[in-house]
Amino acid sequence: MFYSEYNPPPENMRAEVKKLLEKADKNKDGCYTRDELKEAFKNLGSKFPSCRTQFCLWNVDANHDGKVSGDDEINSLIDYIFDRLKNGHYKLKDQVA
């Protein structure tokens, strides 16, 4: 299903976003590197996952260490992805489980 500002995703979709991120975390360290984020954006159907990754890091990497780590940054990452889902930038694939 395609979401937009007129047809926003349900709030429980945040759990799906979190699952997608956990799946992209290859070494299971709870931090998301540039490559892991790029993989997550590919799985979201982004046409330009490298660009989306860079924009994401600019917005959520508060300590500028080149990765998303810590609860605050991860929550910001989930918010960032969820906001873009609401705006129709990409959609969550059905096979996230």
PDB file of N, CA and C in Angstrom:
ATOM      1  N   MET A   1       0.840  -1.179   0.000  1.00  0.00           N
ATOM      2  CA  MET A   1       0.000   0.000   0.000  1.00  0.00           C
ATOM      3  C   MET A   1       0.884   1.242   0.000  1.00  0.00           C
ATOM      4  N   PHE A   2       0.451   2.254  -0.712  1.00  0.00           N
ATOM      5  CA  PHE A   2       1.195   3.505  -0.796  1.00  0.00           C
ATOM      6  C   PHE A   2       0.601   4.504   0.185  1.00  0.00           C
ATOM      7  N   TYR A   3       1.461   5.130   0.970  1.00  0.00           N
ATOM      8  CA  TYR A   3       1.013   6.100   1.957  1.00  0.00           C
ATOM      9  C   TYR A   3       1.328   7.506   1.489  1.00  0.00           C
ATOM     10  N   SER A   4       0.553   8.442   1.948  1.00  0.00           N
ATOM     11  CA  SER A   4       0.775   9.844   1.626  1.00  0.00           C
ATOM     12  C   SER A   4       0.282  10.668   2.796  1.00  0.00           C
ATOM     13  N   GLU A   5       0.396  11.975   2.671  1.00  0.00           N
ATOM     14  CA  GLU A   5      -0.104  12.827   3.748  1.00  0.00           C
ATOM     15  C   GLU A   5      -1.620  12.685   3.903  1.00  0.00           C
ATOM     16  N   TYR A   6      -2.291  12.241   2.851  1.00  0.00           N
ATOM     17  CA  TYR A   6      -3.738  12.051   2.910  1.00  0.00           C
ATOM     18  C   TYR A   6      -4.129  10.644   3.336  1.00  0.00           C
ATOM     19  N   ASN A   7      -3.195   9.732   3.212  1.00  0.00           N
ATOM     20  CA  ASN A   7      -3.421   8.343   3.610  1.00  0.00           C
ATOM     21  C   ASN A   7      -2.205   7.882   4.425  1.00  0.00           C
ATOM     22  N   PRO A   8      -2.069   8.407   5.664  1.00  0.00           N
ATOM     23  CA  PRO A   8      -0.866   8.120   6.445  1.00  0.00           C
ATOM     24  C   PRO A   8      -0.834   6.670   6.930  1.00  0.00           C
ATOM     25  N   PRO A   9       0.387   6.151   7.175  1.00  0.00           N
ATOM     26  CA  PRO A   9       0.499   4.795   7.712  1.00  0.00           C
ATOM     27  C   PRO A   9       0.006   4.778   9.151  1.00  0.00           C
ATOM     28  N   PRO A  10      -0.480   3.654   9.610  1.00  0.00           N
ATOM     29  CA  PRO A  10      -0.926   3.567  10.998  1.00  0.00           C
ATOM     30  C   PRO A  10       0.257   3.695  11.950  1.00  0.00           C
ATOM     31  N   GLU A  11      -0.001   4.198  13.145  1.00  0.00           N
ATOM     32  CA  GLU A  11       1.054   4.400  14.132  1.00  0.00           C
ATOM     33  C   GLU A  11       1.799   3.107  14.455  1.00  0.00           C
ATOM     34  N   ASN A  12       1.104   1.956  14.429  1.00  0.00           N
ATOM     35  CA  ASN A  12       1.784   0.702  14.757  1.00  0.00           C
ATOM     36  C   ASN A  12       2.798   0.299  13.679  1.00  0.00           C
ATOM     37  N   MET A  13       2.843   1.049  12.594  1.00  0.00           N
ATOM     38  CA  MET A  13       3.831   0.796  11.549  1.00  0.00           C
ATOM     39  C   MET A  13       5.244   1.085  12.059  1.00  0.00           C
ATOM     40  N   ARG A  14       5.356   1.866  13.137  1.00  0.00           N
ATOM     41  CA  ARG A  14       6.668   2.131  13.739  1.00  0.00           C
ATOM     42  C   ARG A  14       7.355   0.829  14.137  1.00  0.00           C
ATOM     43  N   ALA A  15       6.590  -0.129  14.619  1.00  0.00           N
ATOM     44  CA  ALA A  15       7.156  -1.424  14.988  1.00  0.00           C
ATOM     45  C   ALA A  15       7.722  -2.124  13.757  1.00  0.00           C
ATOM     46  N   GLU A  16       7.072  -1.974  12.621  1.00  0.00           N
ATOM     47  CA  GLU A  16       7.564  -2.556  11.375  1.00  0.00           C
ATOM     48  C   GLU A  16       8.858  -1.876  10.935  1.00  0.00           C
ATOM     49  N   VAL A  17       8.919  -0.573  11.114  1.00  0.00           N
ATOM     50  CA  VAL A  17      10.137   0.156  10.781  1.00  0.00           C
ATOM     51  C   VAL A  17      11.283  -0.325  11.669  1.00  0.00           C
ATOM     52  N   LYS A  18      10.991  -0.507  12.947  1.00  0.00           N
ATOM     53  CA  LYS A  18      12.019  -0.984  13.877  1.00  0.00           C
ATOM     54  C   LYS A  18      12.502  -2.388  13.478  1.00  0.00           C
ATOM     55  N   LYS A  19      11.578  -3.259  13.060  1.00  0.00           N
ATOM     56  CA  LYS A  19      11.958  -4.600  12.588  1.00  0.00           C
ATOM     57  C   LYS A  19      12.871  -4.513  11.376  1.00  0.00           C
ATOM     58  N   LEU A  20      12.515  -3.636  10.452  1.00  0.00           N
ATOM     59  CA  LEU A  20      13.325  -3.466   9.255  1.00  0.00           C
ATOM     60  C   LEU A  20      14.734  -3.010   9.626  1.00  0.00           C
ATOM     61  N   LEU A  21      14.838  -2.092  10.575  1.00  0.00           N
ATOM     62  CA  LEU A  21      16.147  -1.615  11.007  1.00  0.00           C
ATOM     63  C   LEU A  21      16.942  -2.720  11.698  1.00  0.00           C
ATOM     64  N   GLU A  22      16.282  -3.493  12.539  1.00  0.00           N
ATOM     65  CA  GLU A  22      16.972  -4.589  13.221  1.00  0.00           C
ATOM     66  C   GLU A  22      17.497  -5.608  12.220  1.00  0.00           C
ATOM     67  N   LYS A  23      16.727  -5.837  11.165  1.00  0.00           N
ATOM     68  CA  LYS A  23      17.165  -6.765  10.115  1.00  0.00           C
ATOM     69  C   LYS A  23      18.386  -6.211   9.377  1.00  0.00           C
ATOM     70  N   ALA A  24      18.444  -4.900   9.189  1.00  0.00           N
ATOM     71  CA  ALA A  24      19.558  -4.267   8.484  1.00  0.00           C
ATOM     72  C   ALA A  24      20.824  -4.195   9.339  1.00  0.00           C
ATOM     73  N   ASP A  25      20.679  -4.333  10.652  1.00  0.00           N
ATOM     74  CA  ASP A  25      21.824  -4.267  11.568  1.00  0.00           C
ATOM     75  C   ASP A  25      22.580  -5.590  11.502  1.00  0.00           C
ATOM     76  N   LYS A  26      23.477  -5.698  10.543  1.00  0.00           N
ATOM     77  CA  LYS A  26      24.148  -6.971  10.235  1.00  0.00           C
ATOM     78  C   LYS A  26      24.951  -7.530  11.402  1.00  0.00           C
ATOM     79  N   ASN A  27      25.655  -6.689  12.143  1.00  0.00           N
ATOM     80  CA  ASN A  27      26.486  -7.198  13.239  1.00  0.00           C
ATOM     81  C   ASN A  27      25.779  -7.154  14.598  1.00  0.00           C
ATOM     82  N   LYS A  28      24.513  -6.761  14.597  1.00  0.00           N
ATOM     83  CA  LYS A  28      23.660  -6.773  15.795  1.00  0.00           C
ATOM     84  C   LYS A  28      24.255  -5.999  16.965  1.00  0.00           C
ATOM     85  N   ASP A  29      24.911  -4.873  16.652  1.00  0.00           N
ATOM     86  CA  ASP A  29      25.492  -4.059  17.720  1.00  0.00           C
ATOM     87  C   ASP A  29      24.575  -2.922  18.169  1.00  0.00           C
ATOM     88  N   GLY A  30      23.411  -2.793  17.534  1.00  0.00           N
ATOM     89  CA  GLY A  30      22.466  -1.744  17.911  1.00  0.00           C
ATOM     90  C   GLY A  30      22.799  -0.385  17.324  1.00  0.00           C
ATOM     91  N   CYS A  31      23.837  -0.318  16.513  1.00  0.00           N
ATOM     92  CA  CYS A  31      24.220   0.902  15.798  1.00  0.00           C
ATOM     93  C   CYS A  31      24.007   0.668  14.313  1.00  0.00           C
ATOM     94  N   TYR A  32      23.738   1.737  13.605  1.00  0.00           N
ATOM     95  CA  TYR A  32      23.478   1.612  12.180  1.00  0.00           C
ATOM     96  C   TYR A  32      24.525   2.397  11.401  1.00  0.00           C
ATOM     97  N   THR A  33      25.372   1.680  10.680  1.00  0.00           N
ATOM     98  CA  THR A  33      26.400   2.289   9.857  1.00  0.00           C
ATOM     99  C   THR A  33      25.777   2.783   8.555  1.00  0.00           C
ATOM    100  N   ARG A  34      26.561   3.500   7.791  1.00  0.00           N
ATOM    101  CA  ARG A  34      26.102   3.999   6.487  1.00  0.00           C
ATOM    102  C   ARG A  34      25.619   2.842   5.604  1.00  0.00           C
ATOM    103  N   ASP A  35      26.393   1.746   5.558  1.00  0.00           N
ATOM    104  CA  ASP A  35      26.006   0.600   4.720  1.00  0.00           C
ATOM    105  C   ASP A  35      24.732  -0.061   5.228  1.00  0.00           C
ATOM    106  N   GLU A  36      24.569  -0.148   6.539  1.00  0.00           N
ATOM    107  CA  GLU A  36      23.350  -0.751   7.093  1.00  0.00           C
ATOM    108  C   GLU A  36      22.140   0.119   6.811  1.00  0.00           C
ATOM    109  N   LEU A  37      22.312   1.429   6.925  1.00  0.00           N
ATOM    110  CA  LEU A  37      21.211   2.341   6.610  1.00  0.00           C
ATOM    111  C   LEU A  37      20.852   2.265   5.124  1.00  0.00           C
ATOM    112  N   LYS A  38      21.863   2.193   4.288  1.00  0.00           N
ATOM    113  CA  LYS A  38      21.613   2.085   2.847  1.00  0.00           C
ATOM    114  C   LYS A  38      20.798   0.834   2.541  1.00  0.00           C
ATOM    115  N   GLU A  39      21.140  -0.272   3.185  1.00  0.00           N
ATOM    116  CA  GLU A  39      20.385  -1.517   3.007  1.00  0.00           C
ATOM    117  C   GLU A  39      18.932  -1.345   3.466  1.00  0.00           C
ATOM    118  N   ALA A  40      18.748  -0.682   4.598  1.00  0.00           N
ATOM    119  CA  ALA A  40      17.388  -0.446   5.102  1.00  0.00           C
ATOM    120  C   ALA A  40      16.586   0.389   4.105  1.00  0.00           C
ATOM    121  N   PHE A  41      17.195   1.433   3.554  1.00  0.00           N
ATOM    122  CA  PHE A  41      16.476   2.271   2.594  1.00  0.00           C
ATOM    123  C   PHE A  41      16.194   1.527   1.294  1.00  0.00           C
ATOM    124  N   LYS A  42      17.093   0.635   0.892  1.00  0.00           N
ATOM    125  CA  LYS A  42      16.806  -0.221  -0.265  1.00  0.00           C
ATOM    126  C   LYS A  42      15.568  -1.062   0.009  1.00  0.00           C
ATOM    127  N   ASN A  43      15.498  -1.635   1.213  1.00  0.00           N
ATOM    128  CA  ASN A  43      14.359  -2.475   1.582  1.00  0.00           C
ATOM    129  C   ASN A  43      13.063  -1.674   1.694  1.00  0.00           C
ATOM    130  N   LEU A  44      13.180  -0.379   1.876  1.00  0.00           N
ATOM    131  CA  LEU A  44      12.002   0.488   1.882  1.00  0.00           C
ATOM    132  C   LEU A  44      11.564   0.870   0.474  1.00  0.00           C
ATOM    133  N   GLY A  45      12.382   0.499  -0.507  1.00  0.00           N
ATOM    134  CA  GLY A  45      12.033   0.814  -1.883  1.00  0.00           C
ATOM    135  C   GLY A  45      12.517   2.173  -2.340  1.00  0.00           C
ATOM    136  N   SER A  46      13.462   2.760  -1.613  1.00  0.00           N
ATOM    137  CA  SER A  46      14.008   4.046  -2.019  1.00  0.00           C
ATOM    138  C   SER A  46      14.697   3.910  -3.371  1.00  0.00           C
ATOM    139  N   LYS A  47      14.445   4.859  -4.266  1.00  0.00           N
ATOM    140  CA  LYS A  47      15.085   4.845  -5.577  1.00  0.00           C
ATOM    141  C   LYS A  47      16.534   5.301  -5.485  1.00  0.00           C
ATOM    142  N   PHE A  48      16.844   6.051  -4.448  1.00  0.00           N
ATOM    143  CA  PHE A  48      18.192   6.584  -4.258  1.00  0.00           C
ATOM    144  C   PHE A  48      18.645   6.346  -2.817  1.00  0.00           C
ATOM    145  N   PRO A  49      18.910   5.087  -2.451  1.00  0.00           N
ATOM    146  CA  PRO A  49      19.233   4.782  -1.054  1.00  0.00           C
ATOM    147  C   PRO A  49      20.509   5.464  -0.548  1.00  0.00           C
ATOM    148  N   SER A  50      21.467   5.693  -1.407  1.00  0.00           N
ATOM    149  CA  SER A  50      22.689   6.382  -0.961  1.00  0.00           C
ATOM    150  C   SER A  50      22.391   7.819  -0.560  1.00  0.00           C
ATOM    151  N   CYS A  51      21.601   8.498  -1.372  1.00  0.00           N
ATOM    152  CA  CYS A  51      21.207   9.879  -1.046  1.00  0.00           C
ATOM    153  C   CYS A  51      20.350   9.916   0.204  1.00  0.00           C
ATOM    154  N   ARG A  52      19.408   8.999   0.291  1.00  0.00           N
ATOM    155  CA  ARG A  52      18.529   8.955   1.461  1.00  0.00           C
ATOM    156  C   ARG A  52      19.349   8.707   2.730  1.00  0.00           C
ATOM    157  N   THR A  53      20.370   7.851   2.622  1.00  0.00           N
ATOM    158  CA  THR A  53      21.234   7.574   3.767  1.00  0.00           C
ATOM    159  C   THR A  53      21.967   8.842   4.199  1.00  0.00           C
ATOM    160  N   GLN A  54      22.509   9.577   3.239  1.00  0.00           N
ATOM    161  CA  GLN A  54      23.222  10.809   3.573  1.00  0.00           C
ATOM    162  C   GLN A  54      22.298  11.821   4.228  1.00  0.00           C
ATOM    163  N   PHE A  55      21.107  12.016   3.664  1.00  0.00           N
ATOM    164  CA  PHE A  55      20.149  12.949   4.266  1.00  0.00           C
ATOM    165  C   PHE A  55      19.787  12.515   5.678  1.00  0.00           C
ATOM    166  N   CYS A  56      19.618  11.224   5.843  1.00  0.00           N
ATOM    167  CA  CYS A  56      19.274  10.681   7.153  1.00  0.00           C
ATOM    168  C   CYS A  56      20.379  10.980   8.162  1.00  0.00           C
ATOM    169  N   LEU A  57      21.608  10.716   7.788  1.00  0.00           N
ATOM    170  CA  LEU A  57      22.722  10.976   8.709  1.00  0.00           C
ATOM    171  C   LEU A  57      22.820  12.457   9.047  1.00  0.00           C
ATOM    172  N   TRP A  58      22.603  13.328   8.076  1.00  0.00           N
ATOM    173  CA  TRP A  58      22.624  14.765   8.356  1.00  0.00           C
ATOM    174  C   TRP A  58      21.568  15.137   9.390  1.00  0.00           C
ATOM    175  N   ASN A  59      20.436  14.440   9.341  1.00  0.00           N
ATOM    176  CA  ASN A  59      19.319  14.784  10.223  1.00  0.00           C
ATOM    177  C   ASN A  59      19.359  14.121  11.589  1.00  0.00           C
ATOM    178  N   VAL A  60      19.870  12.909  11.693  1.00  0.00           N
ATOM    179  CA  VAL A  60      19.735  12.178  12.962  1.00  0.00           C
ATOM    180  C   VAL A  60      21.043  11.858  13.675  1.00  0.00           C
ATOM    181  N   ASP A  61      22.186  11.998  13.017  1.00  0.00           N
ATOM    182  CA  ASP A  61      23.468  11.684  13.646  1.00  0.00           C
ATOM    183  C   ASP A  61      23.932  12.886  14.467  1.00  0.00           C
ATOM    184  N   ALA A  62      23.417  12.989  15.684  1.00  0.00           N
ATOM    185  CA  ALA A  62      23.648  14.163  16.523  1.00  0.00           C
ATOM    186  C   ALA A  62      25.118  14.339  16.918  1.00  0.00           C
ATOM    187  N   ASN A  63      25.840  13.253  17.124  1.00  0.00           N
ATOM    188  CA  ASN A  63      27.242  13.372  17.550  1.00  0.00           C
ATOM    189  C   ASN A  63      28.220  13.307  16.375  1.00  0.00           C
ATOM    190  N   HIS A  64      27.708  13.225  15.163  1.00  0.00           N
ATOM    191  CA  HIS A  64      28.499  13.272  13.921  1.00  0.00           C
ATOM    192  C   HIS A  64      29.607  12.223  13.870  1.00  0.00           C
ATOM    193  N   ASP A  65      29.286  11.000  14.324  1.00  0.00           N
ATOM    194  CA  ASP A  65      30.284   9.927  14.274  1.00  0.00           C
ATOM    195  C   ASP A  65      30.104   9.034  13.040  1.00  0.00           C
ATOM    196  N   GLY A  66      29.175   9.398  12.151  1.00  0.00           N
ATOM    197  CA  GLY A  66      28.988   8.654  10.911  1.00  0.00           C
ATOM    198  C   GLY A  66      28.105   7.438  11.033  1.00  0.00           C
ATOM    199  N   LYS A  67      27.449   7.282  12.169  1.00  0.00           N
ATOM    200  CA  LYS A  67      26.512   6.175  12.360  1.00  0.00           C
ATOM    201  C   LYS A  67      25.398   6.627  13.290  1.00  0.00           C
ATOM    202  N   VAL A  68      24.340   5.854  13.294  1.00  0.00           N
ATOM    203  CA  VAL A  68      23.205   6.140  14.177  1.00  0.00           C
ATOM    204  C   VAL A  68      23.305   5.188  15.348  1.00  0.00           C
ATOM    205  N   SER A  69      23.493   5.753  16.534  1.00  0.00           N
ATOM    206  CA  SER A  69      23.655   4.934  17.729  1.00  0.00           C
ATOM    207  C   SER A  69      23.033   5.641  18.923  1.00  0.00           C
ATOM    208  N   GLY A  70      22.724   4.892  19.938  1.00  0.00           N
ATOM    209  CA  GLY A  70      22.099   5.463  21.123  1.00  0.00           C
ATOM    210  C   GLY A  70      20.606   5.623  20.938  1.00  0.00           C
ATOM    211  N   ASP A  71      19.895   5.574  22.034  1.00  0.00           N
ATOM    212  CA  ASP A  71      18.431   5.624  21.996  1.00  0.00           C
ATOM    213  C   ASP A  71      17.889   6.878  21.318  1.00  0.00           C
ATOM    214  N   ASP A  72      18.468   8.035  21.622  1.00  0.00           N
ATOM    215  CA  ASP A  72      17.948   9.278  21.038  1.00  0.00           C
ATOM    216  C   ASP A  72      18.095   9.294  19.519  1.00  0.00           C
ATOM    217  N   GLU A  73      19.278   8.902  19.031  1.00  0.00           N
ATOM    218  CA  GLU A  73      19.501   8.886  17.587  1.00  0.00           C
ATOM    219  C   GLU A  73      18.635   7.832  16.907  1.00  0.00           C
ATOM    220  N   ILE A  74      18.487   6.659  17.535  1.00  0.00           N
ATOM    221  CA  ILE A  74      17.670   5.602  16.929  1.00  0.00           C
ATOM    222  C   ILE A  74      16.200   6.012  16.891  1.00  0.00           C
ATOM    223  N   ASN A  75      15.723   6.642  17.959  1.00  0.00           N
ATOM    224  CA  ASN A  75      14.343   7.140  17.946  1.00  0.00           C
ATOM    225  C   ASN A  75      14.163   8.216  16.879  1.00  0.00           C
ATOM    226  N   SER A  76      15.176   9.074  16.715  1.00  0.00           N
ATOM    227  CA  SER A  76      15.121  10.086  15.649  1.00  0.00           C
ATOM    228  C   SER A  76      15.118   9.427  14.277  1.00  0.00           C
ATOM    229  N   LEU A  77      15.883   8.345  14.126  1.00  0.00           N
ATOM    230  CA  LEU A  77      15.909   7.599  12.863  1.00  0.00           C
ATOM    231  C   LEU A  77      14.531   7.019  12.544  1.00  0.00           C
ATOM    232  N   ILE A  78      13.899   6.411  13.538  1.00  0.00           N
ATOM    233  CA  ILE A  78      12.562   5.846  13.336  1.00  0.00           C
ATOM    234  C   ILE A  78      11.578   6.953  12.961  1.00  0.00           C
ATOM    235  N   ASP A  79      11.660   8.094  13.653  1.00  0.00           N
ATOM    236  CA  ASP A  79      10.795   9.232  13.327  1.00  0.00           C
ATOM    237  C   ASP A  79      11.053   9.719  11.901  1.00  0.00           C
ATOM    238  N   TYR A  80      12.329   9.801  11.521  1.00  0.00           N
ATOM    239  CA  TYR A  80      12.705  10.251  10.182  1.00  0.00           C
ATOM    240  C   TYR A  80      12.088   9.350   9.116  1.00  0.00           C
ATOM    241  N   ILE A  81      12.240   8.046   9.291  1.00  0.00           N
ATOM    242  CA  ILE A  81      11.683   7.088   8.320  1.00  0.00           C
ATOM    243  C   ILE A  81      10.163   7.157   8.317  1.00  0.00           C
ATOM    244  N   PHE A  82       9.559   7.198   9.496  1.00  0.00           N
ATOM    245  CA  PHE A  82       8.103   7.225   9.598  1.00  0.00           C
ATOM    246  C   PHE A  82       7.526   8.478   8.932  1.00  0.00           C
ATOM    247  N   ASP A  83       8.188   9.619   9.142  1.00  0.00           N
ATOM    248  CA  ASP A  83       7.714  10.856   8.503  1.00  0.00           C
ATOM    249  C   ASP A  83       7.758  10.744   6.987  1.00  0.00           C
ATOM    250  N   ARG A  84       8.788  10.105   6.471  1.00  0.00           N
ATOM    251  CA  ARG A  84       8.897   9.956   5.022  1.00  0.00           C
ATOM    252  C   ARG A  84       7.911   8.925   4.490  1.00  0.00           C
ATOM    253  N   LEU A  85       7.579   7.938   5.297  1.00  0.00           N
ATOM    254  CA  LEU A  85       6.501   7.016   4.910  1.00  0.00           C
ATOM    255  C   LEU A  85       5.193   7.792   4.784  1.00  0.00           C
ATOM    256  N   LYS A  86       4.935   8.668   5.752  1.00  0.00           N
ATOM    257  CA  LYS A  86       3.699   9.451   5.733  1.00  0.00           C
ATOM    258  C   LYS A  86       3.642  10.367   4.526  1.00  0.00           C
ATOM    259  N   ASN A  87       4.798  10.848   4.088  1.00  0.00           N
ATOM    260  CA  ASN A  87       4.841  11.774   2.957  1.00  0.00           C
ATOM    261  C   ASN A  87       4.950  11.063   1.618  1.00  0.00           C
ATOM    262  N   GLY A  88       4.935   9.730   1.624  1.00  0.00           N
ATOM    263  CA  GLY A  88       4.925   8.977   0.390  1.00  0.00           C
ATOM    264  C   GLY A  88       6.268   8.842  -0.301  1.00  0.00           C
ATOM    265  N   HIS A  89       7.372   9.097   0.407  1.00  0.00           N
ATOM    266  CA  HIS A  89       8.700   8.981  -0.213  1.00  0.00           C
ATOM    267  C   HIS A  89       9.021   7.542  -0.604  1.00  0.00           C
ATOM    268  N   TYR A  90       8.544   6.595   0.177  1.00  0.00           N
ATOM    269  CA  TYR A  90       8.716   5.179  -0.112  1.00  0.00           C
ATOM    270  C   TYR A  90       7.703   4.416   0.701  1.00  0.00           C
ATOM    271  N   LYS A  91       7.684   3.117   0.517  1.00  0.00           N
ATOM    272  CA  LYS A  91       6.689   2.334   1.246  1.00  0.00           C
ATOM    273  C   LYS A  91       7.379   1.157   1.903  1.00  0.00           C
ATOM    274  N   LEU A  92       6.774   0.679   2.944  1.00  0.00           N
ATOM    275  CA  LEU A  92       7.294  -0.464   3.669  1.00  0.00           C
ATOM    276  C   LEU A  92       6.866  -1.713   2.930  1.00  0.00           C
ATOM    277  N   LYS A  93       7.827  -2.551   2.585  1.00  0.00           N
ATOM    278  CA  LYS A  93       7.514  -3.779   1.874  1.00  0.00           C
ATOM    279  C   LYS A  93       6.789  -4.743   2.806  1.00  0.00           C
ATOM    280  N   ASP A  94       5.979  -5.602   2.229  1.00  0.00           N
ATOM    281  CA  ASP A  94       5.182  -6.541   3.016  1.00  0.00           C
ATOM    282  C   ASP A  94       6.019  -7.601   3.706  1.00  0.00           C
ATOM    283  N   GLN A  95       7.218  -7.900   3.214  1.00  0.00           N
ATOM    284  CA  GLN A  95       7.995  -9.005   3.755  1.00  0.00           C
ATOM    285  C   GLN A  95       8.999  -8.577   4.814  1.00  0.00           C
ATOM    286  N   VAL A  96       8.684  -7.591   5.627  1.00  0.00           N
ATOM    287  CA  VAL A  96       9.621  -7.127   6.651  1.00  0.00           C
ATOM    288  C   VAL A  96       9.823  -8.166   7.746  1.00  0.00           C
ATOM    289  N   ALA A  97       8.861  -8.969   8.048  1.00  0.00           N
ATOM    290  CA  ALA A  97       8.900  -9.915   9.163  1.00  0.00           C
ATOM    291  C   ALA A  97      10.144 -10.649   9.370  1.00  0.00           C
TER     292      ALA A  97
END
